[in-house]
């Protein structure tokens, strides 16, 4: 991981605002081959804030054009961290729509656009519009039917050759970075120095320029089994399960105390002056009581 105390760089965002970032595209490209960067995908502003404060170099964020406020909240929680917005999986109906969605994402704070399942034509259009575009090769989960399912890609020559050819195609289309998912570590070790693209390894070994894991996986925040390539640095799911037991116990005790007349006890009740209560009682006495059935 890069030094978390790295000086911030002043930039102007697509929205025309002056902002501060830990990295720019230029910085990351210069870093290629000289060190490793860390990358994660937070699912919430809390995770994003924790990642930034911990010195994570690069964040990926899922971007939904129909609910841009979600990505915006994550950007606001980590205002200084280089951030790629991952676009919807489906290709958009036109290049104009592709550019519109990408520009909207850049307007709310993206530093780069991840369009792993989009066409090369779309990536080329982004590059020509000076929008930093990132591709995806290897195991692409939504295209896994072409590679035999959710398993490693590139163990055989023909597949590893295709990984390299796909990277070259992305490079020719104008991409600046590529996510390389679940391929043999030796394959990426051989390929990465042969491309100018910044290679982000997720389950592809140490040969990439960037090491990427989803926050959910590295935090142990979900049901097992986790992906084989992921390491759990804590077990939030276990804590959540313990919290659920605590919730149920608290609700049960609350319910029982109400039924047994134990809650609210005097310390949880508002007290009133005796004279004021006496006045109220005398006032109410002249009214008929509500009939009890």
Protein backbone atom coordinates (compact mmCIF):
# COMPACT_ATOMS: atom_id res chain seq x y z
CA UNK A 1 0.00 0.00 0.00
CA UNK A 2 1.16 3.48 -0.75
CA UNK A 3 1.99 5.83 2.10
CA UNK A 4 -1.33 6.93 3.66
CA UNK A 5 0.33 10.31 4.39
CA UNK A 6 0.98 10.96 0.70
CA UNK A 7 0.42 14.67 -0.03
CA UNK A 8 -2.89 15.40 -1.72
CA UNK A 9 -3.03 16.85 -5.22
CA UNK A 10 -5.34 19.71 -6.15
CA UNK A 11 -7.56 18.93 -9.13
CA UNK A 12 -10.59 20.36 -10.86
CA UNK A 13 -13.40 17.85 -11.15
CA UNK A 14 -15.77 17.48 -14.12
CA UNK A 15 -18.25 19.63 -12.19
CA UNK A 16 -15.73 22.50 -12.16
CA UNK A 17 -15.00 22.29 -8.43
CA UNK A 18 -11.52 22.39 -6.95
CA UNK A 19 -10.93 19.19 -4.99
CA UNK A 20 -8.06 17.26 -3.40
CA UNK A 21 -7.09 13.70 -4.33
CA UNK A 22 -4.51 11.20 -3.13
CA UNK A 23 -3.90 10.11 -6.75
CA UNK A 24 -4.64 11.23 -10.26
CA UNK A 25 -4.67 9.03 -13.36
CA UNK A 26 -1.24 10.48 -14.15
CA UNK A 27 0.09 9.49 -10.70
CA UNK A 28 -1.20 5.93 -10.96
CA UNK A 29 0.22 5.48 -14.45
CA UNK A 30 3.62 6.68 -13.21
CA UNK A 31 3.38 4.15 -10.36
CA UNK A 32 3.09 1.20 -12.76
CA UNK A 33 5.87 -1.30 -12.20
CA UNK A 34 7.26 0.63 -9.22
CA UNK A 35 4.99 -0.45 -6.37
CA UNK A 36 1.63 -1.88 -5.44
CA UNK A 37 -1.56 0.05 -4.74
CA UNK A 38 -4.54 -1.11 -2.70
CA UNK A 39 -8.11 -1.04 -3.96
CA UNK A 40 -11.47 -2.01 -2.51
CA UNK A 41 -15.17 -1.64 -3.26
CA UNK A 42 -17.10 -0.21 -0.31
CA UNK A 43 -20.84 -0.77 -0.10
CA UNK A 44 -21.64 2.13 2.19
CA UNK A 45 -20.40 5.58 3.19
CA UNK A 46 -19.18 4.11 6.49
CA UNK A 47 -16.97 1.61 4.67
CA UNK A 48 -15.71 4.30 2.30
CA UNK A 49 -14.81 6.62 5.16
CA UNK A 50 -12.99 3.82 7.01
CA UNK A 51 -11.09 2.91 3.84
CA UNK A 52 -9.96 6.48 3.26
CA UNK A 53 -8.91 6.98 6.87
CA UNK A 54 -6.98 3.69 6.73
CA UNK A 55 -4.97 4.74 3.67
CA UNK A 56 -6.58 2.60 0.95
CA UNK A 57 -5.34 4.05 -2.33
CA UNK A 58 -8.25 3.52 -4.69
CA UNK A 59 -11.96 2.88 -4.35
CA UNK A 60 -14.39 1.28 -6.79
CA UNK A 61 -18.03 2.27 -6.40
CA UNK A 62 -21.11 0.77 -8.02
CA UNK A 63 -22.97 3.45 -9.96
CA UNK A 64 -26.70 3.21 -10.67
CA UNK A 65 -27.87 5.96 -13.08
CA UNK A 66 -31.35 5.67 -11.56
CA UNK A 67 -30.05 6.20 -8.02
CA UNK A 68 -26.92 8.35 -8.34
CA UNK A 69 -27.30 9.58 -4.76
CA UNK A 70 -25.89 6.26 -3.48
CA UNK A 71 -22.58 6.72 -5.29
CA UNK A 72 -22.61 10.41 -4.35
CA UNK A 73 -22.91 9.56 -0.65
CA UNK A 74 -19.87 7.29 -0.92
CA UNK A 75 -17.89 9.97 -2.75
CA UNK A 76 -18.81 12.49 -0.03
CA UNK A 77 -17.65 10.04 2.66
CA UNK A 78 -14.23 9.65 1.03
CA UNK A 79 -13.64 12.98 -0.71
CA UNK A 80 -9.88 12.62 -1.17
CA UNK A 81 -9.57 9.06 -2.48
CA UNK A 82 -9.21 8.26 -6.18
CA UNK A 83 -12.51 6.69 -7.18
CA UNK A 84 -13.74 4.63 -10.12
CA UNK A 85 -17.48 4.35 -10.69
CA UNK A 86 -18.49 0.93 -12.00
CA UNK A 87 -21.19 1.31 -14.63
CA UNK A 88 -24.31 -0.86 -15.15
CA UNK A 89 -23.57 -4.25 -16.66
CA UNK A 90 -25.73 -3.90 -19.75
CA UNK A 91 -24.62 -1.98 -22.79
CA UNK A 92 -26.49 1.29 -23.17
CA UNK A 93 -28.62 1.73 -26.30
CA UNK A 94 -26.36 4.29 -27.97
CA UNK A 95 -22.98 5.94 -27.73
CA UNK A 96 -24.72 9.20 -26.86
CA UNK A 97 -26.42 7.53 -23.90
CA UNK A 98 -23.14 5.93 -22.88
CA UNK A 99 -21.47 9.32 -22.81
CA UNK A 100 -24.38 10.92 -20.96
CA UNK A 101 -24.30 8.33 -18.17
CA UNK A 102 -20.51 8.55 -17.91
CA UNK A 103 -20.56 12.36 -17.80
CA UNK A 104 -23.25 12.27 -15.10
CA UNK A 105 -21.04 9.94 -13.04
CA UNK A 106 -18.01 12.18 -13.52
CA UNK A 107 -20.10 15.21 -12.52
CA UNK A 108 -20.80 13.74 -9.07
CA UNK A 109 -17.21 12.84 -8.39
CA UNK A 110 -15.91 9.86 -10.35
CA UNK A 111 -12.24 10.03 -11.33
CA UNK A 112 -12.55 7.10 -13.73
CA UNK A 113 -15.25 4.94 -15.30
CA UNK A 114 -15.30 1.15 -15.02
CA UNK A 115 -17.19 -0.36 -17.94
CA UNK A 116 -16.16 -3.98 -17.81
CA UNK A 117 -19.03 -5.43 -19.83
CA UNK A 118 -19.40 -2.55 -22.27
CA UNK A 119 -18.23 -2.84 -25.86
CA UNK A 120 -14.88 -1.68 -27.12
CA UNK A 121 -16.77 0.93 -29.11
CA UNK A 122 -18.14 2.39 -25.87
CA UNK A 123 -14.70 2.45 -24.26
CA UNK A 124 -13.26 4.11 -27.34
CA UNK A 125 -16.00 6.77 -27.22
CA UNK A 126 -15.19 7.53 -23.59
CA UNK A 127 -11.48 7.74 -24.34
CA UNK A 128 -12.09 10.14 -27.25
CA UNK A 129 -14.13 12.30 -24.86
CA UNK A 130 -11.17 12.31 -22.43
CA UNK A 131 -13.03 10.22 -19.83
CA UNK A 132 -10.65 7.73 -18.15
CA UNK A 133 -12.07 4.30 -18.98
CA UNK A 134 -11.23 1.00 -17.32
CA UNK A 135 -11.92 -2.45 -18.78
CA UNK A 136 -12.30 -5.97 -17.39
CA UNK A 137 -10.75 -9.27 -18.52
CA UNK A 138 -10.39 -12.82 -17.26
CA UNK A 139 -13.34 -14.03 -15.26
CA UNK A 140 -16.12 -11.55 -16.00
CA UNK A 141 -18.94 -12.97 -13.86
CA UNK A 142 -21.78 -11.72 -16.07
CA UNK A 143 -20.12 -13.26 -19.11
CA UNK A 144 -19.00 -16.45 -17.35
CA UNK A 145 -21.10 -18.67 -19.64
CA UNK A 146 -18.44 -18.04 -22.33
CA UNK A 147 -15.60 -19.20 -20.07
CA UNK A 148 -17.21 -22.21 -18.41
CA UNK A 149 -18.81 -20.71 -15.32
CA UNK A 150 -17.56 -18.98 -12.20
CA UNK A 151 -14.07 -20.42 -12.20
CA UNK A 152 -10.53 -19.45 -13.06
CA UNK A 153 -9.77 -18.37 -16.61
CA UNK A 154 -6.46 -18.74 -18.42
CA UNK A 155 -5.05 -22.06 -17.27
CA UNK A 156 -4.81 -23.22 -20.87
CA UNK A 157 -2.88 -21.39 -23.58
CA UNK A 158 -5.90 -20.43 -25.68
CA UNK A 159 -7.60 -18.73 -22.72
CA UNK A 160 -4.44 -17.01 -21.47
CA UNK A 161 -3.77 -15.82 -25.03
CA UNK A 162 -7.30 -14.37 -25.14
CA UNK A 163 -6.70 -12.55 -21.85
CA UNK A 164 -3.63 -10.92 -23.38
CA UNK A 165 -5.43 -10.18 -26.66
CA UNK A 166 -8.35 -8.64 -24.77
CA UNK A 167 -5.97 -6.40 -22.84
CA UNK A 168 -4.32 -5.29 -26.08
CA UNK A 169 -7.75 -4.57 -27.57
CA UNK A 170 -8.67 -2.43 -24.55
CA UNK A 171 -5.36 -0.62 -24.85
CA UNK A 172 -6.01 0.08 -28.54
CA UNK A 173 -9.52 1.29 -27.68
CA UNK A 174 -8.06 3.89 -25.34
CA UNK A 175 -8.58 2.36 -21.89
CA UNK A 176 -6.09 3.39 -19.22
CA UNK A 177 -6.59 0.51 -16.73
CA UNK A 178 -8.00 -3.00 -16.60
CA UNK A 179 -9.42 -5.23 -13.88
CA UNK A 180 -7.94 -8.71 -14.25
CA UNK A 181 -10.04 -11.29 -12.43
CA UNK A 182 -9.19 -14.84 -11.34
CA UNK A 183 -6.46 -15.87 -13.75
CA UNK A 184 -3.25 -17.76 -12.88
CA UNK A 185 -0.79 -15.50 -11.09
CA UNK A 186 2.02 -16.38 -13.48
CA UNK A 187 -0.12 -15.32 -16.45
CA UNK A 188 -0.63 -11.82 -15.07
CA UNK A 189 3.01 -11.66 -14.02
CA UNK A 190 3.96 -12.21 -17.67
CA UNK A 191 1.28 -9.98 -19.19
CA UNK A 192 1.38 -6.90 -16.94
CA UNK A 193 4.83 -5.64 -18.04
CA UNK A 194 3.75 -6.02 -21.68
CA UNK A 195 0.90 -3.51 -21.46
CA UNK A 196 0.80 0.16 -20.61
CA UNK A 197 -2.57 -0.41 -18.89
CA UNK A 198 -2.60 -0.28 -15.11
CA UNK A 199 -3.54 -3.84 -14.11
CA UNK A 200 -5.84 -4.33 -11.13
CA UNK A 201 -5.61 -7.87 -9.82
CA UNK A 202 -8.56 -9.50 -8.13
CA UNK A 203 -7.69 -13.13 -7.55
CA UNK A 204 -5.00 -12.87 -10.22
CA UNK A 205 -1.92 -12.92 -8.02
CA UNK A 206 0.75 -10.41 -7.16
CA UNK A 207 1.74 -9.55 -10.75
CA UNK A 208 -0.78 -6.72 -11.02
CA UNK A 209 -0.06 -3.07 -10.33
CA UNK A 210 -3.03 -2.89 -7.95
CA UNK A 211 -4.45 -5.43 -5.50
CA UNK A 212 -8.25 -5.36 -5.37
CA UNK A 213 -10.73 -7.03 -2.99
CA UNK A 214 -14.36 -6.26 -2.32
CA UNK A 215 -14.90 -4.74 1.12
CA UNK A 216 -17.59 -7.32 1.83
CA UNK A 217 -15.08 -10.11 1.34
CA UNK A 218 -12.09 -8.66 3.17
CA UNK A 219 -14.34 -7.62 6.09
CA UNK A 220 -15.97 -11.05 6.31
CA UNK A 221 -19.33 -9.31 5.98
CA UNK A 222 -21.55 -12.01 4.51
CA UNK A 223 -22.39 -15.69 4.46
CA UNK A 224 -19.64 -18.16 3.76
CA UNK A 225 -18.15 -19.39 1.53
CA UNK A 226 -16.28 -16.28 0.46
CA UNK A 227 -14.50 -16.27 -2.90
CA UNK A 228 -11.43 -18.47 -2.80
CA UNK A 229 -9.15 -15.60 -3.78
CA UNK A 230 -10.29 -13.35 -0.93
CA UNK A 231 -8.75 -13.06 2.52
CA UNK A 232 -10.88 -12.10 5.52
CA UNK A 233 -9.23 -9.55 7.81
CA UNK A 234 -12.12 -9.56 10.28
CA UNK A 235 -15.49 -11.28 10.70
CA UNK A 236 -18.24 -8.68 10.63
CA UNK A 237 -20.85 -11.31 9.81
CA UNK A 238 -20.19 -13.07 13.12
CA UNK A 239 -20.57 -9.76 14.94
CA UNK A 240 -23.81 -9.08 13.06
CA UNK A 241 -25.13 -12.50 14.11
CA UNK A 242 -24.22 -11.77 17.73
CA UNK A 243 -25.97 -8.41 17.42
CA UNK A 244 -29.10 -10.14 16.10
CA UNK A 245 -29.18 -12.42 19.15
CA UNK A 246 -28.79 -9.36 21.37
CA UNK A 247 -31.65 -7.62 19.51
CA UNK A 248 -33.99 -10.59 20.01
CA UNK A 249 -33.11 -10.89 23.68
CA UNK A 250 -33.72 -7.17 24.23
CA UNK A 251 -37.09 -7.24 22.44
CA UNK A 252 -38.15 -10.31 24.43
CA UNK A 253 -37.20 -8.73 27.75
CA UNK A 254 -39.00 -5.50 26.81
CA UNK A 255 -42.16 -7.42 25.94
CA UNK A 256 -42.06 -9.48 29.15
CA UNK A 257 -41.50 -6.46 31.40
CA UNK A 258 -44.49 -4.69 29.88
CA UNK A 259 -46.75 -7.70 30.43
CA UNK A 260 -45.47 -8.16 34.01
CA UNK A 261 -45.88 -4.50 34.91
CA UNK A 262 -42.16 -3.90 35.33
CA UNK A 263 -41.81 -1.30 32.58
CA UNK A 264 -42.01 1.60 32.84
CA UNK A 265 -40.74 1.69 36.40
CA UNK A 266 -40.62 5.03 38.32
CA UNK A 267 -37.15 6.01 37.09
CA UNK A 268 -38.44 6.08 33.50
CA UNK A 269 -41.52 8.16 34.24
CA UNK A 270 -42.03 11.92 34.27
CA UNK A 271 -42.90 13.30 37.72
CA UNK A 272 -45.42 16.06 38.36
CA UNK A 273 -46.15 18.40 41.27
CA UNK A 274 -48.79 16.93 43.59
CA UNK A 275 -50.81 20.13 43.72
CA UNK A 276 -51.01 20.29 39.93
CA UNK A 277 -52.23 16.70 39.76
CA UNK A 278 -54.85 17.42 42.43
CA UNK A 279 -56.17 20.32 40.34
CA UNK A 280 -56.47 18.03 37.32
CA UNK A 281 -58.30 15.37 39.29
CA UNK A 282 -60.86 17.88 40.58
CA UNK A 283 -61.39 19.25 37.07
CA UNK A 284 -61.94 15.80 35.60
CA UNK A 285 -64.33 14.63 38.36
CA UNK A 286 -67.25 16.59 36.84
CA UNK A 287 -67.01 14.62 33.60
CA UNK A 288 -68.62 11.22 33.16
CA UNK A 289 -66.34 8.24 33.14
CA UNK A 290 -65.96 6.35 29.90
CA UNK A 291 -68.01 3.17 30.26
CA UNK A 292 -65.93 0.05 30.72
CA UNK A 293 -67.17 -2.89 28.68
